[in-house]
N, C-alpha and C. Protein backbone atom coordinates (compact mmCIF):
# COMPACT_ATOMS: atom_id res chain seq x y z
N MET A 1 15.03 0.54 10.71
CA MET A 1 13.71 0.45 10.11
C MET A 1 13.54 -0.31 8.63
N PHE A 2 12.60 -0.49 8.77
CA PHE A 2 11.85 -1.40 7.39
C PHE A 2 11.16 -0.62 6.41
N ILE A 3 11.12 -1.21 4.93
CA ILE A 3 10.40 -0.75 4.15
C ILE A 3 9.27 -1.49 3.85
N GLU A 4 7.90 -1.02 3.79
CA GLU A 4 6.93 -2.29 2.98
C GLU A 4 6.52 -1.77 1.76
N GLU A 5 7.07 -3.14 0.88
CA GLU A 5 6.60 -2.42 -0.40
C GLU A 5 5.38 -3.43 -0.96
N ARG A 6 4.47 -2.59 -1.22
CA ARG A 6 2.89 -3.29 -1.37
C ARG A 6 2.65 -3.36 -3.23
N ASP A 7 2.67 -4.16 -3.59
CA ASP A 7 2.44 -4.15 -5.59
C ASP A 7 1.65 -5.15 -5.32
N TYR A 8 0.64 -4.29 -5.77
CA TYR A 8 -1.05 -4.70 -6.36
C TYR A 8 -0.95 -4.34 -7.90
N ARG A 9 -1.41 -5.86 -8.64
CA ARG A 9 -1.48 -5.81 -10.51
C ARG A 9 -2.96 -5.50 -10.46
N ILE A 10 -3.31 -4.57 -10.52
CA ILE A 10 -4.71 -4.08 -11.10
C ILE A 10 -5.35 -4.84 -12.55
N LYS A 11 -6.57 -5.11 -12.55
CA LYS A 11 -7.11 -5.58 -13.81
C LYS A 11 -7.24 -4.84 -14.87
N PRO A 12 -6.96 -4.99 -16.20
CA PRO A 12 -6.85 -4.30 -17.14
C PRO A 12 -7.88 -3.45 -17.21
N GLY A 13 -7.45 -2.26 -17.34
CA GLY A 13 -8.70 -0.78 -17.67
C GLY A 13 -9.55 -0.46 -16.41
N CYS A 14 -8.75 -1.10 -14.99
CA CYS A 14 -9.10 -0.44 -13.79
C CYS A 14 -8.37 0.29 -12.69
N LEU A 15 -6.61 0.51 -13.50
CA LEU A 15 -5.96 1.34 -12.84
C LEU A 15 -6.17 2.85 -12.34
N PRO A 16 -6.89 3.29 -13.16
CA PRO A 16 -7.53 4.53 -12.94
C PRO A 16 -8.74 4.74 -12.28
N LYS A 17 -9.36 3.68 -12.09
CA LYS A 17 -10.63 3.95 -11.21
C LYS A 17 -9.70 3.33 -9.70
N PHE A 18 -8.87 2.43 -9.76
CA PHE A 18 -8.48 2.08 -8.13
C PHE A 18 -7.56 3.28 -7.84
N VAL A 19 -6.50 4.23 -8.25
CA VAL A 19 -5.74 5.28 -7.94
C VAL A 19 -6.84 6.17 -7.48
N LYS A 20 -7.94 6.45 -8.51
CA LYS A 20 -8.81 7.50 -7.85
C LYS A 20 -9.73 6.88 -6.53
N THR A 21 -10.00 5.83 -6.29
CA THR A 21 -10.69 5.42 -5.27
C THR A 21 -9.75 5.26 -4.09
N TYR A 22 -8.55 4.90 -4.16
CA TYR A 22 -7.51 4.74 -3.03
C TYR A 22 -7.09 6.11 -2.39
N GLU A 23 -7.15 7.75 -3.50
CA GLU A 23 -7.07 8.48 -3.25
C GLU A 23 -8.05 9.37 -2.08
N LYS A 24 -9.18 8.65 -2.82
CA LYS A 24 -10.41 8.95 -2.12
C LYS A 24 -10.86 8.54 -0.89
N HIS A 25 -11.09 7.41 -0.37
CA HIS A 25 -11.22 6.82 0.51
C HIS A 25 -10.14 6.10 1.32
N GLY A 26 -9.03 5.39 0.41
CA GLY A 26 -8.26 4.92 1.33
C GLY A 26 -6.98 5.22 1.89
N LEU A 27 -6.31 6.27 1.29
CA LEU A 27 -5.23 7.07 1.53
C LEU A 27 -5.18 7.73 3.08
N HIS A 28 -6.13 8.60 3.26
CA HIS A 28 -6.66 9.59 4.69
C HIS A 28 -6.62 8.38 5.72
N LEU A 29 -7.17 6.80 5.56
CA LEU A 29 -7.46 6.05 6.37
C LEU A 29 -5.88 5.31 7.03
N GLN A 30 -5.19 5.26 5.62
CA GLN A 30 -3.50 4.16 5.36
C GLN A 30 -2.42 5.66 6.31
N LYS A 31 -2.91 6.53 6.00
CA LYS A 31 -2.37 7.91 6.99
C LYS A 31 -2.63 7.99 8.68
N LYS A 32 -3.32 7.45 8.61
CA LYS A 32 -3.90 7.98 10.32
C LYS A 32 -3.57 6.35 10.48
N TYR A 33 -3.27 5.18 10.33
CA TYR A 33 -3.20 4.16 11.04
C TYR A 33 -1.80 3.67 10.51
N LEU A 34 -1.41 3.93 10.02
CA LEU A 34 0.31 3.14 8.83
C LEU A 34 1.24 4.36 9.31
N GLY A 35 2.62 3.54 9.25
CA GLY A 35 3.72 4.09 9.77
C GLY A 35 3.94 5.58 8.40
N THR A 36 5.35 5.60 8.41
CA THR A 36 5.70 6.63 7.54
C THR A 36 5.32 6.30 5.91
N PHE A 37 4.30 7.37 5.30
CA PHE A 37 3.97 7.05 3.51
C PHE A 37 5.37 7.57 3.11
N LEU A 38 5.76 6.44 1.90
CA LEU A 38 7.14 7.02 0.86
C LEU A 38 6.36 7.52 -0.33
N GLY A 39 5.44 6.89 -0.63
CA GLY A 39 5.32 7.50 -1.89
C GLY A 39 4.74 6.04 -2.49
N TYR A 40 3.38 6.39 -3.53
CA TYR A 40 2.76 5.07 -4.48
C TYR A 40 2.99 5.79 -6.21
N PHE A 41 2.99 4.67 -6.43
CA PHE A 41 3.56 4.89 -7.82
C PHE A 41 2.80 3.58 -8.76
N THR A 42 2.52 3.98 -10.02
CA THR A 42 1.87 3.53 -11.08
C THR A 42 3.14 2.87 -12.17
N THR A 43 3.35 1.62 -12.78
CA THR A 43 3.85 1.33 -13.71
C THR A 43 3.88 1.54 -14.88
N GLU A 44 5.18 2.54 -15.56
CA GLU A 44 4.78 3.21 -16.97
C GLU A 44 5.63 2.35 -18.32
N ILE A 45 6.51 1.35 -17.76
CA ILE A 45 7.21 0.67 -18.23
C ILE A 45 7.53 -0.94 -18.12
N GLY A 46 7.34 -2.15 -18.56
CA GLY A 46 7.35 -3.33 -18.34
C GLY A 46 6.11 -3.46 -18.25
N GLU A 47 5.91 -4.48 -16.92
CA GLU A 47 4.48 -5.05 -16.73
C GLU A 47 3.56 -3.73 -16.16
N LEU A 48 2.53 -3.84 -17.11
CA LEU A 48 1.76 -2.78 -16.69
C LEU A 48 0.70 -2.67 -15.45
N ASN A 49 -0.11 -2.20 -15.38
CA ASN A 49 -1.35 -2.16 -14.56
C ASN A 49 -0.75 -2.27 -13.09
N HIS A 50 0.42 -1.90 -12.66
CA HIS A 50 0.92 -2.21 -11.41
C HIS A 50 0.70 -0.97 -10.49
N VAL A 51 0.44 -1.14 -9.55
CA VAL A 51 0.57 0.46 -8.34
C VAL A 51 1.21 -0.30 -7.00
N VAL A 52 2.32 0.50 -6.56
CA VAL A 52 2.79 0.24 -5.76
C VAL A 52 2.97 1.00 -4.96
N ALA A 53 2.64 0.82 -3.45
CA ALA A 53 3.05 1.77 -2.33
C ALA A 53 4.09 1.43 -1.18
N LEU A 54 5.02 2.38 -1.03
CA LEU A 54 5.67 2.04 0.08
C LEU A 54 5.37 3.09 1.47
N TRP A 55 5.97 2.21 2.39
CA TRP A 55 5.89 2.14 3.76
C TRP A 55 7.13 2.33 4.67
N ALA A 56 7.45 3.18 5.71
CA ALA A 56 8.32 3.10 6.53
C ALA A 56 8.47 2.41 8.13
N TRP A 57 8.52 1.86 8.50
CA TRP A 57 8.05 1.19 9.66
C TRP A 57 9.51 1.47 10.58
N ASP A 58 9.47 1.60 11.97
CA ASP A 58 10.86 1.49 12.71
C ASP A 58 10.92 -0.18 13.11
N SER A 59 9.88 -0.89 13.53
CA SER A 59 9.59 -2.27 13.63
C SER A 59 8.41 -3.27 13.03
N LEU A 60 8.75 -4.30 13.17
CA LEU A 60 7.55 -5.21 12.44
C LEU A 60 6.57 -4.89 13.40
N ASP A 61 7.04 -5.33 14.75
CA ASP A 61 5.90 -5.25 15.70
C ASP A 61 4.82 -3.86 15.61
N GLU A 62 5.72 -2.67 15.23
CA GLU A 62 4.67 -1.59 15.18
C GLU A 62 3.82 -1.70 14.02
N ARG A 63 4.54 -2.30 12.88
CA ARG A 63 3.80 -2.69 11.64
C ARG A 63 2.32 -3.56 12.05
N ASP A 64 2.61 -4.73 12.59
CA ASP A 64 1.73 -5.79 13.00
C ASP A 64 0.18 -4.84 13.79
N ARG A 65 0.68 -4.27 15.09
CA ARG A 65 0.30 -3.63 15.80
C ARG A 65 -1.05 -2.45 14.78
N ALA A 66 -0.26 -1.49 14.00
CA ALA A 66 -0.99 -0.77 13.19
C ALA A 66 -1.85 -1.16 12.13
N ARG A 67 -1.56 -2.33 11.42
CA ARG A 67 -2.37 -3.00 10.65
C ARG A 67 -3.67 -3.57 11.19
N SER A 68 -3.17 -3.86 12.33
CA SER A 68 -4.74 -4.44 12.87
C SER A 68 -5.63 -3.52 13.47
N ALA A 69 -5.14 -2.70 13.67
CA ALA A 69 -5.71 -1.36 14.41
C ALA A 69 -6.78 -1.12 12.66
N MET A 70 -6.18 -1.44 11.82
CA MET A 70 -6.66 -0.41 10.85
C MET A 70 -7.83 -1.28 10.02
N LEU A 71 -7.02 -2.93 10.07
CA LEU A 71 -8.27 -3.75 9.33
C LEU A 71 -9.47 -3.98 10.58
N ALA A 72 -9.35 -3.32 11.79
CA ALA A 72 -10.59 -3.39 12.45
C ALA A 72 -11.53 -2.14 12.10
N ASP A 73 -11.32 -1.65 11.71
CA ASP A 73 -11.65 0.17 11.64
C ASP A 73 -13.01 -0.14 10.60
N PRO A 74 -14.01 -0.10 10.55
CA PRO A 74 -15.24 -0.62 9.83
C PRO A 74 -14.99 0.25 8.48
N GLU A 75 -14.59 1.50 8.54
CA GLU A 75 -14.59 2.35 7.32
C GLU A 75 -13.37 1.72 6.21
N TRP A 76 -12.31 1.10 6.95
CA TRP A 76 -11.61 0.19 6.59
C TRP A 76 -11.90 -0.41 5.19
N GLN A 77 -12.59 -1.66 6.15
CA GLN A 77 -13.68 -2.54 5.44
C GLN A 77 -14.57 -2.05 4.60
N ALA A 78 -14.90 -1.11 4.57
CA ALA A 78 -16.18 -0.69 3.50
C ALA A 78 -14.81 0.35 2.37
N TYR A 79 -13.76 0.85 2.29
CA TYR A 79 -12.60 1.10 1.24
C TYR A 79 -12.50 -0.36 0.34
N LEU A 80 -11.84 -1.62 1.05
CA LEU A 80 -11.95 -2.51 0.45
C LEU A 80 -13.03 -3.35 0.01
N ASP A 81 -13.79 -3.36 0.08
CA ASP A 81 -15.34 -3.53 -0.58
C ASP A 81 -15.42 -3.19 -1.89
N MET A 82 -14.76 -1.90 -1.84
CA MET A 82 -14.91 -0.74 -3.35
C MET A 82 -13.88 -1.24 -4.24
N VAL A 83 -12.78 -1.43 -3.91
CA VAL A 83 -11.46 -1.86 -4.74
C VAL A 83 -11.21 -3.60 -5.08
N VAL A 84 -11.85 -4.52 -3.98
CA VAL A 84 -11.18 -5.98 -3.93
C VAL A 84 -11.69 -6.32 -5.50
N GLU A 85 -12.67 -5.89 -6.43
CA GLU A 85 -12.91 -6.65 -7.84
C GLU A 85 -12.22 -5.94 -8.24
N LEU A 86 -11.15 -5.00 -8.06
CA LEU A 86 -10.28 -4.45 -9.29
C LEU A 86 -9.21 -4.93 -9.13
N ILE A 87 -8.47 -5.44 -8.37
CA ILE A 87 -6.98 -6.34 -8.27
C ILE A 87 -7.39 -7.64 -8.34
N ASP A 88 -6.32 -7.84 -9.36
CA ASP A 88 -5.90 -9.02 -9.93
C ASP A 88 -5.06 -9.89 -8.59
N ILE A 89 -3.79 -9.81 -8.34
CA ILE A 89 -2.63 -10.17 -7.56
C ILE A 89 -2.04 -8.96 -7.04
N GLN A 90 -2.03 -9.52 -5.52
CA GLN A 90 -0.99 -8.46 -4.44
C GLN A 90 -0.12 -9.38 -3.98
N GLN A 91 1.48 -8.49 -4.00
CA GLN A 91 2.33 -9.07 -3.14
C GLN A 91 2.84 -7.83 -2.22
N THR A 92 3.22 -8.56 -1.15
CA THR A 92 3.86 -7.70 -0.12
C THR A 92 5.52 -8.14 0.33
N ARG A 93 6.18 -7.33 0.22
CA ARG A 93 7.33 -7.49 0.48
C ARG A 93 8.01 -6.75 1.90
N ILE A 94 8.64 -7.37 2.76
CA ILE A 94 9.26 -6.17 3.65
C ILE A 94 10.98 -5.98 3.51
N LEU A 95 11.40 -4.86 3.01
CA LEU A 95 13.06 -4.91 2.44
C LEU A 95 13.54 -4.19 3.77
N LYS A 96 14.44 -4.23 4.07
CA LYS A 96 15.78 -4.06 5.15
C LYS A 96 17.02 -3.10 4.39
N PRO A 97 16.81 -1.89 4.39
CA PRO A 97 17.69 -0.98 3.74
C PRO A 97 19.11 -1.43 4.42
N VAL A 98 20.18 -1.53 3.69
CA VAL A 98 21.65 -1.50 3.65
C VAL A 98 22.16 -0.39 4.35
N GLY A 99 23.28 -0.91 5.26
CA GLY A 99 24.07 0.67 5.73
C GLY A 99 24.22 1.73 5.07
N PHE A 100 24.83 1.51 3.74
CA PHE A 100 25.02 2.63 2.81
C PHE A 100 24.03 2.67 2.16
N SER A 101 22.53 2.32 2.51
CA SER A 101 21.29 3.13 1.60
C SER A 101 20.79 4.83 2.34
N PRO A 102 20.48 5.56 1.27
CA PRO A 102 20.05 6.92 1.88
C PRO A 102 19.06 7.04 2.62
N ILE A 103 18.07 5.81 2.58
CA ILE A 103 16.99 5.79 3.09
C ILE A 103 17.32 4.85 4.48
N ARG A 104 17.10 4.80 5.75
CA ARG A 104 17.74 3.62 6.50
C ARG A 104 17.26 4.05 7.51
């Protein structure tokens, strides 16, 4: 199993709009296409204005197929048009749990 961590730094003042737009227009599409949804978080302490999404995948090939299908969906492209100006920086990491991790 692999965990995908997607960290978005949102422009100051835009976090509530980003989260609301994702909940209304993006989440259902990602649940339709992507792996197991583990959670969606905002930062409270440290560097603020971050949104972190976690997804679980059985394989990186599965992730590639699913994300390619989602990117081809016009509804997903319309969602991206709604949020692209709200995002300052995006980072994506693939995490591999160690043997004693409760998430494996």
